[in-house]
Amino acid sequence: MAFARLSGDPGDRVRPFLPAFPGGSLSDGVVRLTPLTAADADDYHALQNLPDVVRYSVPQEGPSPARPRNSAARRACAGWPVSGSS
């Protein structure tokens, strides 16, 4: 699930579509989902540069090497990546 704003949006806080998960993660006993943090910035940056990810991006290009990785982490913090088994 992704959330985006347009440049003309007022910037008011928006109620999350999904509630926060108890304990900060969601698991079925095999896979655990956790929110991204700044510690995930390098891995998230590498993911954004994978050929299959770039192929389906608009525009079809990976992130600029000049873009600070911490800005990528800030943008990613709304996501829920798979973090392995619980």
PDB file of N, CA and C in Angstrom:
ATOM      1  N   MET A   1       0.841  -1.142   0.000  1.00  0.00           N
ATOM      2  CA  MET A   1       0.000   0.000   0.000  1.00  0.00           C
ATOM      3  C   MET A   1       0.901   1.223   0.000  1.00  0.00           C
ATOM      4  N   ALA A   2       0.555   2.185  -0.801  1.00  0.00           N
ATOM      5  CA  ALA A   2       1.343   3.414  -0.868  1.00  0.00           C
ATOM      6  C   ALA A   2       0.431   4.607  -0.627  1.00  0.00           C
ATOM      7  N   PHE A   3       0.991   5.656  -0.101  1.00  0.00           N
ATOM      8  CA  PHE A   3       0.263   6.890   0.129  1.00  0.00           C
ATOM      9  C   PHE A   3       1.076   8.011  -0.484  1.00  0.00           C
ATOM     10  N   ALA A   4       0.418   8.875  -1.206  1.00  0.00           N
ATOM     11  CA  ALA A   4       1.124   9.992  -1.837  1.00  0.00           C
ATOM     12  C   ALA A   4       0.297  11.257  -1.693  1.00  0.00           C
ATOM     13  N   ARG A   5       0.958  12.373  -1.787  1.00  0.00           N
ATOM     14  CA  ARG A   5       0.287  13.672  -1.770  1.00  0.00           C
ATOM     15  C   ARG A   5       0.646  14.421  -3.038  1.00  0.00           C
ATOM     16  N   LEU A   6      -0.256  15.289  -3.436  1.00  0.00           N
ATOM     17  CA  LEU A   6       0.011  16.175  -4.558  1.00  0.00           C
ATOM     18  C   LEU A   6       0.593  17.471  -4.020  1.00  0.00           C
ATOM     19  N   SER A   7       1.294  18.205  -4.866  1.00  0.00           N
ATOM     20  CA  SER A   7       1.957  19.429  -4.402  1.00  0.00           C
ATOM     21  C   SER A   7       0.961  20.443  -3.850  1.00  0.00           C
ATOM     22  N   GLY A   8      -0.278  20.424  -4.309  1.00  0.00           N
ATOM     23  CA  GLY A   8      -1.278  21.378  -3.834  1.00  0.00           C
ATOM     24  C   GLY A   8      -2.031  20.929  -2.596  1.00  0.00           C
ATOM     25  N   ASP A   9      -1.773  19.719  -2.091  1.00  0.00           N
ATOM     26  CA  ASP A   9      -2.458  19.232  -0.897  1.00  0.00           C
ATOM     27  C   ASP A   9      -2.039  20.061   0.311  1.00  0.00           C
ATOM     28  N   PRO A  10      -2.948  20.236   1.292  1.00  0.00           N
ATOM     29  CA  PRO A  10      -2.644  21.112   2.418  1.00  0.00           C
ATOM     30  C   PRO A  10      -1.567  20.595   3.367  1.00  0.00           C
ATOM     31  N   GLY A  11      -1.290  19.310   3.392  1.00  0.00           N
ATOM     32  CA  GLY A  11      -0.262  18.780   4.279  1.00  0.00           C
ATOM     33  C   GLY A  11      -0.766  18.432   5.663  1.00  0.00           C
ATOM     34  N   ASP A  12      -2.100  18.488   5.860  1.00  0.00           N
ATOM     35  CA  ASP A  12      -2.666  18.099   7.148  1.00  0.00           C
ATOM     36  C   ASP A  12      -2.417  16.617   7.400  1.00  0.00           C
ATOM     37  N   ARG A  13      -2.311  16.261   8.672  1.00  0.00           N
ATOM     38  CA  ARG A  13      -2.109  14.856   9.036  1.00  0.00           C
ATOM     39  C   ARG A  13      -3.321  14.048   8.569  1.00  0.00           C
ATOM     40  N   VAL A  14      -3.048  12.876   8.016  1.00  0.00           N
ATOM     41  CA  VAL A  14      -4.096  11.994   7.516  1.00  0.00           C
ATOM     42  C   VAL A  14      -4.133  10.745   8.386  1.00  0.00           C
ATOM     43  N   ARG A  15      -5.342  10.340   8.780  1.00  0.00           N
ATOM     44  CA  ARG A  15      -5.486   9.138   9.596  1.00  0.00           C
ATOM     45  C   ARG A  15      -5.029   7.935   8.779  1.00  0.00           C
ATOM     46  N   PRO A  16      -4.173   7.071   9.329  1.00  0.00           N
ATOM     47  CA  PRO A  16      -3.713   5.901   8.585  1.00  0.00           C
ATOM     48  C   PRO A  16      -4.879   5.005   8.186  1.00  0.00           C
ATOM     49  N   PHE A  17      -4.783   4.418   7.005  1.00  0.00           N
ATOM     50  CA  PHE A  17      -5.819   3.514   6.518  1.00  0.00           C
ATOM     51  C   PHE A  17      -5.859   2.250   7.366  1.00  0.00           C
ATOM     52  N   LEU A  18      -4.686   1.748   7.733  1.00  0.00           N
ATOM     53  CA  LEU A  18      -4.590   0.558   8.576  1.00  0.00           C
ATOM     54  C   LEU A  18      -4.103   0.957   9.962  1.00  0.00           C
ATOM     55  N   PRO A  19      -4.602   0.295  11.004  1.00  0.00           N
ATOM     56  CA  PRO A  19      -4.110   0.610  12.350  1.00  0.00           C
ATOM     57  C   PRO A  19      -2.690   0.082  12.542  1.00  0.00           C
ATOM     58  N   ALA A  20      -2.004   0.636  13.533  1.00  0.00           N
ATOM     59  CA  ALA A  20      -0.675   0.121  13.876  1.00  0.00           C
ATOM     60  C   ALA A  20      -0.839  -1.303  14.407  1.00  0.00           C
ATOM     61  N   PHE A  21       0.147  -2.138  14.164  1.00  0.00           N
ATOM     62  CA  PHE A  21       0.068  -3.518  14.623  1.00  0.00           C
ATOM     63  C   PHE A  21       0.519  -3.620  16.073  1.00  0.00           C
ATOM     64  N   PRO A  22      -0.161  -4.450  16.877  1.00  0.00           N
ATOM     65  CA  PRO A  22       0.253  -4.635  18.268  1.00  0.00           C
ATOM     66  C   PRO A  22       1.699  -5.141  18.325  1.00  0.00           C
ATOM     67  N   GLY A  23       2.503  -4.537  19.167  1.00  0.00           N
ATOM     68  CA  GLY A  23       3.899  -4.950  19.279  1.00  0.00           C
ATOM     69  C   GLY A  23       4.779  -4.438  18.159  1.00  0.00           C
ATOM     70  N   GLY A  24       4.224  -3.652  17.222  1.00  0.00           N
ATOM     71  CA  GLY A  24       5.021  -3.043  16.162  1.00  0.00           C
ATOM     72  C   GLY A  24       5.280  -3.900  14.948  1.00  0.00           C
ATOM     73  N   SER A  25       4.727  -5.124  14.890  1.00  0.00           N
ATOM     74  CA  SER A  25       4.933  -5.975  13.719  1.00  0.00           C
ATOM     75  C   SER A  25       3.717  -6.873  13.519  1.00  0.00           C
ATOM     76  N   LEU A  26       3.684  -7.515  12.380  1.00  0.00           N
ATOM     77  CA  LEU A  26       2.623  -8.459  12.045  1.00  0.00           C
ATOM     78  C   LEU A  26       3.292  -9.740  11.583  1.00  0.00           C
ATOM     79  N   SER A  27       2.866 -10.875  12.130  1.00  0.00           N
ATOM     80  CA  SER A  27       3.509 -12.142  11.781  1.00  0.00           C
ATOM     81  C   SER A  27       2.481 -13.256  11.678  1.00  0.00           C
ATOM     82  N   ASP A  28       2.775 -14.209  10.788  1.00  0.00           N
ATOM     83  CA  ASP A  28       1.981 -15.433  10.707  1.00  0.00           C
ATOM     84  C   ASP A  28       2.787 -16.614  11.243  1.00  0.00           C
ATOM     85  N   GLY A  29       3.913 -16.359  11.892  1.00  0.00           N
ATOM     86  CA  GLY A  29       4.780 -17.405  12.401  1.00  0.00           C
ATOM     87  C   GLY A  29       5.892 -17.780  11.441  1.00  0.00           C
ATOM     88  N   VAL A  30       5.781 -17.367  10.190  1.00  0.00           N
ATOM     89  CA  VAL A  30       6.808 -17.647   9.184  1.00  0.00           C
ATOM     90  C   VAL A  30       7.426 -16.343   8.696  1.00  0.00           C
ATOM     91  N   VAL A  31       6.586 -15.387   8.377  1.00  0.00           N
ATOM     92  CA  VAL A  31       7.022 -14.087   7.863  1.00  0.00           C
ATOM     93  C   VAL A  31       6.595 -13.012   8.850  1.00  0.00           C
ATOM     94  N   ARG A  32       7.490 -12.058   9.087  1.00  0.00           N
ATOM     95  CA  ARG A  32       7.179 -10.945   9.984  1.00  0.00           C
ATOM     96  C   ARG A  32       7.320  -9.643   9.210  1.00  0.00           C
ATOM     97  N   LEU A  33       6.296  -8.798   9.267  1.00  0.00           N
ATOM     98  CA  LEU A  33       6.333  -7.483   8.634  1.00  0.00           C
ATOM     99  C   LEU A  33       6.627  -6.446   9.703  1.00  0.00           C
ATOM    100  N   THR A  34       7.575  -5.555   9.414  1.00  0.00           N
ATOM    101  CA  THR A  34       7.924  -4.479  10.334  1.00  0.00           C
ATOM    102  C   THR A  34       8.084  -3.193   9.540  1.00  0.00           C
ATOM    103  N   PRO A  35       7.846  -2.036  10.166  1.00  0.00           N
ATOM    104  CA  PRO A  35       8.041  -0.777   9.448  1.00  0.00           C
ATOM    105  C   PRO A  35       9.523  -0.543   9.152  1.00  0.00           C
ATOM    106  N   LEU A  36       9.797   0.119   8.048  1.00  0.00           N
ATOM    107  CA  LEU A  36      11.174   0.497   7.730  1.00  0.00           C
ATOM    108  C   LEU A  36      11.648   1.568   8.696  1.00  0.00           C
ATOM    109  N   THR A  37      12.943   1.568   8.954  1.00  0.00           N
ATOM    110  CA  THR A  37      13.560   2.593   9.791  1.00  0.00           C
ATOM    111  C   THR A  37      14.774   3.150   9.050  1.00  0.00           C
ATOM    112  N   ALA A  38      15.414   4.143   9.635  1.00  0.00           N
ATOM    113  CA  ALA A  38      16.612   4.717   9.017  1.00  0.00           C
ATOM    114  C   ALA A  38      17.712   3.668   8.862  1.00  0.00           C
ATOM    115  N   ALA A  39      17.729   2.649   9.719  1.00  0.00           N
ATOM    116  CA  ALA A  39      18.734   1.586   9.611  1.00  0.00           C
ATOM    117  C   ALA A  39      18.555   0.758   8.338  1.00  0.00           C
ATOM    118  N   ASP A  40      17.382   0.837   7.720  1.00  0.00           N
ATOM    119  CA  ASP A  40      17.099   0.088   6.492  1.00  0.00           C
ATOM    120  C   ASP A  40      17.457   0.870   5.227  1.00  0.00           C
ATOM    121  N   ALA A  41      17.995   2.076   5.368  1.00  0.00           N
ATOM    122  CA  ALA A  41      18.208   2.956   4.213  1.00  0.00           C
ATOM    123  C   ALA A  41      19.093   2.325   3.140  1.00  0.00           C
ATOM    124  N   ASP A  42      20.209   1.709   3.516  1.00  0.00           N
ATOM    125  CA  ASP A  42      21.104   1.122   2.507  1.00  0.00           C
ATOM    126  C   ASP A  42      20.433  -0.027   1.762  1.00  0.00           C
ATOM    127  N   ASP A  43      19.739  -0.899   2.498  1.00  0.00           N
ATOM    128  CA  ASP A  43      19.044  -2.014   1.847  1.00  0.00           C
ATOM    129  C   ASP A  43      17.910  -1.513   0.957  1.00  0.00           C
ATOM    130  N   TYR A  44      17.187  -0.494   1.430  1.00  0.00           N
ATOM    131  CA  TYR A  44      16.088   0.062   0.637  1.00  0.00           C
ATOM    132  C   TYR A  44      16.635   0.703  -0.645  1.00  0.00           C
ATOM    133  N   HIS A  45      17.759   1.402  -0.523  1.00  0.00           N
ATOM    134  CA  HIS A  45      18.393   2.030  -1.684  1.00  0.00           C
ATOM    135  C   HIS A  45      18.815   0.956  -2.693  1.00  0.00           C
ATOM    136  N   ALA A  46      19.391  -0.144  -2.202  1.00  0.00           N
ATOM    137  CA  ALA A  46      19.787  -1.250  -3.085  1.00  0.00           C
ATOM    138  C   ALA A  46      18.562  -1.861  -3.765  1.00  0.00           C
ATOM    139  N   LEU A  47      17.474  -2.006  -3.030  1.00  0.00           N
ATOM    140  CA  LEU A  47      16.235  -2.543  -3.606  1.00  0.00           C
ATOM    141  C   LEU A  47      15.734  -1.651  -4.734  1.00  0.00           C
ATOM    142  N   GLN A  48      15.778  -0.339  -4.533  1.00  0.00           N
ATOM    143  CA  GLN A  48      15.313   0.599  -5.558  1.00  0.00           C
ATOM    144  C   GLN A  48      16.144   0.515  -6.833  1.00  0.00           C
ATOM    145  N   ASN A  49      17.350  -0.012  -6.760  1.00  0.00           N
ATOM    146  CA  ASN A  49      18.227  -0.110  -7.923  1.00  0.00           C
ATOM    147  C   ASN A  49      18.201  -1.471  -8.606  1.00  0.00           C
ATOM    148  N   LEU A  50      17.425  -2.426  -8.095  1.00  0.00           N
ATOM    149  CA  LEU A  50      17.321  -3.731  -8.750  1.00  0.00           C
ATOM    150  C   LEU A  50      16.661  -3.566 -10.120  1.00  0.00           C
ATOM    151  N   PRO A  51      17.158  -4.263 -11.147  1.00  0.00           N
ATOM    152  CA  PRO A  51      16.602  -4.117 -12.500  1.00  0.00           C
ATOM    153  C   PRO A  51      15.091  -4.333 -12.571  1.00  0.00           C
ATOM    154  N   ASP A  52      14.558  -5.317 -11.840  1.00  0.00           N
ATOM    155  CA  ASP A  52      13.113  -5.552 -11.879  1.00  0.00           C
ATOM    156  C   ASP A  52      12.323  -4.423 -11.231  1.00  0.00           C
ATOM    157  N   VAL A  53      12.887  -3.768 -10.239  1.00  0.00           N
ATOM    158  CA  VAL A  53      12.213  -2.640  -9.600  1.00  0.00           C
ATOM    159  C   VAL A  53      12.266  -1.427 -10.519  1.00  0.00           C
ATOM    160  N   VAL A  54      13.441  -1.152 -11.079  1.00  0.00           N
ATOM    161  CA  VAL A  54      13.595  -0.009 -11.988  1.00  0.00           C
ATOM    162  C   VAL A  54      12.702  -0.173 -13.209  1.00  0.00           C
ATOM    163  N   ARG A  55      12.603  -1.390 -13.734  1.00  0.00           N
ATOM    164  CA  ARG A  55      11.807  -1.654 -14.939  1.00  0.00           C
ATOM    165  C   ARG A  55      10.354  -1.206 -14.766  1.00  0.00           C
ATOM    166  N   TYR A  56       9.805  -1.362 -13.568  1.00  0.00           N
ATOM    167  CA  TYR A  56       8.403  -1.021 -13.337  1.00  0.00           C
ATOM    168  C   TYR A  56       8.233   0.313 -12.614  1.00  0.00           C
ATOM    169  N   SER A  57       9.305   1.098 -12.535  1.00  0.00           N
ATOM    170  CA  SER A  57       9.235   2.421 -11.925  1.00  0.00           C
ATOM    171  C   SER A  57       8.865   3.455 -12.976  1.00  0.00           C
ATOM    172  N   VAL A  58       8.290   4.555 -12.521  1.00  0.00           N
ATOM    173  CA  VAL A  58       7.990   5.673 -13.415  1.00  0.00           C
ATOM    174  C   VAL A  58       8.667   6.895 -12.823  1.00  0.00           C
ATOM    175  N   PRO A  59       9.645   7.464 -13.522  1.00  0.00           N
ATOM    176  CA  PRO A  59      10.264   7.016 -14.763  1.00  0.00           C
ATOM    177  C   PRO A  59      11.139   5.785 -14.502  1.00  0.00           C
ATOM    178  N   GLN A  60      11.533   5.116 -15.557  1.00  0.00           N
ATOM    179  CA  GLN A  60      12.300   3.875 -15.426  1.00  0.00           C
ATOM    180  C   GLN A  60      13.766   4.176 -15.136  1.00  0.00           C
ATOM    181  N   GLU A  61      14.030   4.593 -13.934  1.00  0.00           N
ATOM    182  CA  GLU A  61      15.409   4.862 -13.504  1.00  0.00           C
ATOM    183  C   GLU A  61      15.487   4.671 -11.999  1.00  0.00           C
ATOM    184  N   GLY A  62      16.633   4.234 -11.541  1.00  0.00           N
ATOM    185  CA  GLY A  62      16.849   4.070 -10.110  1.00  0.00           C
ATOM    186  C   GLY A  62      17.070   5.425  -9.460  1.00  0.00           C
ATOM    187  N   PRO A  63      17.173   5.444  -8.138  1.00  0.00           N
ATOM    188  CA  PRO A  63      17.409   6.711  -7.453  1.00  0.00           C
ATOM    189  C   PRO A  63      18.778   7.276  -7.801  1.00  0.00           C
ATOM    190  N   SER A  64      18.866   8.566  -7.790  1.00  0.00           N
ATOM    191  CA  SER A  64      20.125   9.246  -8.080  1.00  0.00           C
ATOM    192  C   SER A  64      21.145   8.941  -6.987  1.00  0.00           C
ATOM    193  N   PRO A  65      22.391   8.648  -7.366  1.00  0.00           N
ATOM    194  CA  PRO A  65      23.421   8.433  -6.340  1.00  0.00           C
ATOM    195  C   PRO A  65      23.636   9.675  -5.480  1.00  0.00           C
ATOM    196  N   ALA A  66      23.263  10.839  -6.003  1.00  0.00           N
ATOM    197  CA  ALA A  66      23.443  12.077  -5.252  1.00  0.00           C
ATOM    198  C   ALA A  66      22.378  12.247  -4.169  1.00  0.00           C
ATOM    199  N   ARG A  67      21.257  11.506  -4.298  1.00  0.00           N
ATOM    200  CA  ARG A  67      20.185  11.642  -3.319  1.00  0.00           C
ATOM    201  C   ARG A  67      20.635  11.002  -2.008  1.00  0.00           C
ATOM    202  N   PRO A  68      20.543  11.728  -0.906  1.00  0.00           N
ATOM    203  CA  PRO A  68      20.967  11.151   0.368  1.00  0.00           C
ATOM    204  C   PRO A  68      20.137   9.918   0.715  1.00  0.00           C
ATOM    205  N   ARG A  69      20.796   8.903   1.239  1.00  0.00           N
ATOM    206  CA  ARG A  69      20.088   7.669   1.592  1.00  0.00           C
ATOM    207  C   ARG A  69      19.085   7.901   2.710  1.00  0.00           C
ATOM    208  N   ASN A  70      19.354   8.862   3.595  1.00  0.00           N
ATOM    209  CA  ASN A  70      18.398   9.081   4.672  1.00  0.00           C
ATOM    210  C   ASN A  70      17.083   9.630   4.142  1.00  0.00           C
ATOM    211  N   SER A  71      17.095  10.338   3.002  1.00  0.00           N
ATOM    212  CA  SER A  71      15.826  10.800   2.430  1.00  0.00           C
ATOM    213  C   SER A  71      15.051   9.618   1.881  1.00  0.00           C
ATOM    214  N   ALA A  72      15.753   8.612   1.346  1.00  0.00           N
ATOM    215  CA  ALA A  72      15.077   7.394   0.882  1.00  0.00           C
ATOM    216  C   ALA A  72      14.455   6.673   2.071  1.00  0.00           C
ATOM    217  N   ALA A  73      15.146   6.644   3.181  1.00  0.00           N
ATOM    218  CA  ALA A  73      14.605   5.981   4.370  1.00  0.00           C
ATOM    219  C   ALA A  73      13.370   6.711   4.880  1.00  0.00           C
ATOM    220  N   ARG A  74      13.407   8.046   4.871  1.00  0.00           N
ATOM    221  CA  ARG A  74      12.228   8.797   5.320  1.00  0.00           C
ATOM    222  C   ARG A  74      11.021   8.479   4.450  1.00  0.00           C
ATOM    223  N   ARG A  75      11.235   8.416   3.130  1.00  0.00           N
ATOM    224  CA  ARG A  75      10.116   8.104   2.233  1.00  0.00           C
ATOM    225  C   ARG A  75       9.629   6.683   2.443  1.00  0.00           C
ATOM    226  N   ALA A  76      10.533   5.793   2.785  1.00  0.00           N
ATOM    227  CA  ALA A  76      10.181   4.376   2.926  1.00  0.00           C
ATOM    228  C   ALA A  76       9.513   4.063   4.254  1.00  0.00           C
ATOM    229  N   CYS A  77       9.639   4.924   5.226  1.00  0.00           N
ATOM    230  CA  CYS A  77       9.157   4.594   6.568  1.00  0.00           C
ATOM    231  C   CYS A  77       7.653   4.362   6.636  1.00  0.00           C
ATOM    232  N   ALA A  78       6.925   4.682   5.600  1.00  0.00           N
ATOM    233  CA  ALA A  78       5.491   4.395   5.589  1.00  0.00           C
ATOM    234  C   ALA A  78       5.220   2.972   5.134  1.00  0.00           C
ATOM    235  N   GLY A  79       6.231   2.245   4.669  1.00  0.00           N
ATOM    236  CA  GLY A  79       6.037   0.898   4.133  1.00  0.00           C
ATOM    237  C   GLY A  79       6.181  -0.185   5.174  1.00  0.00           C
ATOM    238  N   TRP A  80       5.864  -1.412   4.769  1.00  0.00           N
ATOM    239  CA  TRP A  80       5.986  -2.579   5.635  1.00  0.00           C
ATOM    240  C   TRP A  80       6.760  -3.646   4.898  1.00  0.00           C
ATOM    241  N   PRO A  81       8.085  -3.721   5.064  1.00  0.00           N
ATOM    242  CA  PRO A  81       8.868  -4.723   4.346  1.00  0.00           C
ATOM    243  C   PRO A  81       8.807  -6.093   5.012  1.00  0.00           C
ATOM    244  N   VAL A  82       9.094  -7.121   4.270  1.00  0.00           N
ATOM    245  CA  VAL A  82       9.227  -8.457   4.833  1.00  0.00           C
ATOM    246  C   VAL A  82      10.589  -8.543   5.498  1.00  0.00           C
ATOM    247  N   SER A  83      10.642  -9.007   6.732  1.00  0.00           N
ATOM    248  CA  SER A  83      11.922  -9.046   7.444  1.00  0.00           C
ATOM    249  C   SER A  83      12.314 -10.458   7.859  1.00  0.00           C
ATOM    250  N   GLY A  84      11.891 -11.467   7.139  1.00  0.00           N
ATOM    251  CA  GLY A  84      12.294 -12.838   7.449  1.00  0.00           C
ATOM    252  C   GLY A  84      11.324 -13.528   8.381  1.00  0.00           C
ATOM    253  N   SER A  85      11.762 -14.618   8.956  1.00  0.00           N
ATOM    254  CA  SER A  85      10.871 -15.383   9.828  1.00  0.00           C
ATOM    255  C   SER A  85      10.869 -14.807  11.227  1.00  0.00           C
ATOM    256  N   SER A  86       9.785 -15.045  11.919  1.00  0.00           N
ATOM    257  CA  SER A  86       9.657 -14.487  13.269  1.00  0.00           C
ATOM    258  C   SER A  86      10.153 -15.446  14.319  1.00  0.00           C
TER     259      SER A  86
END
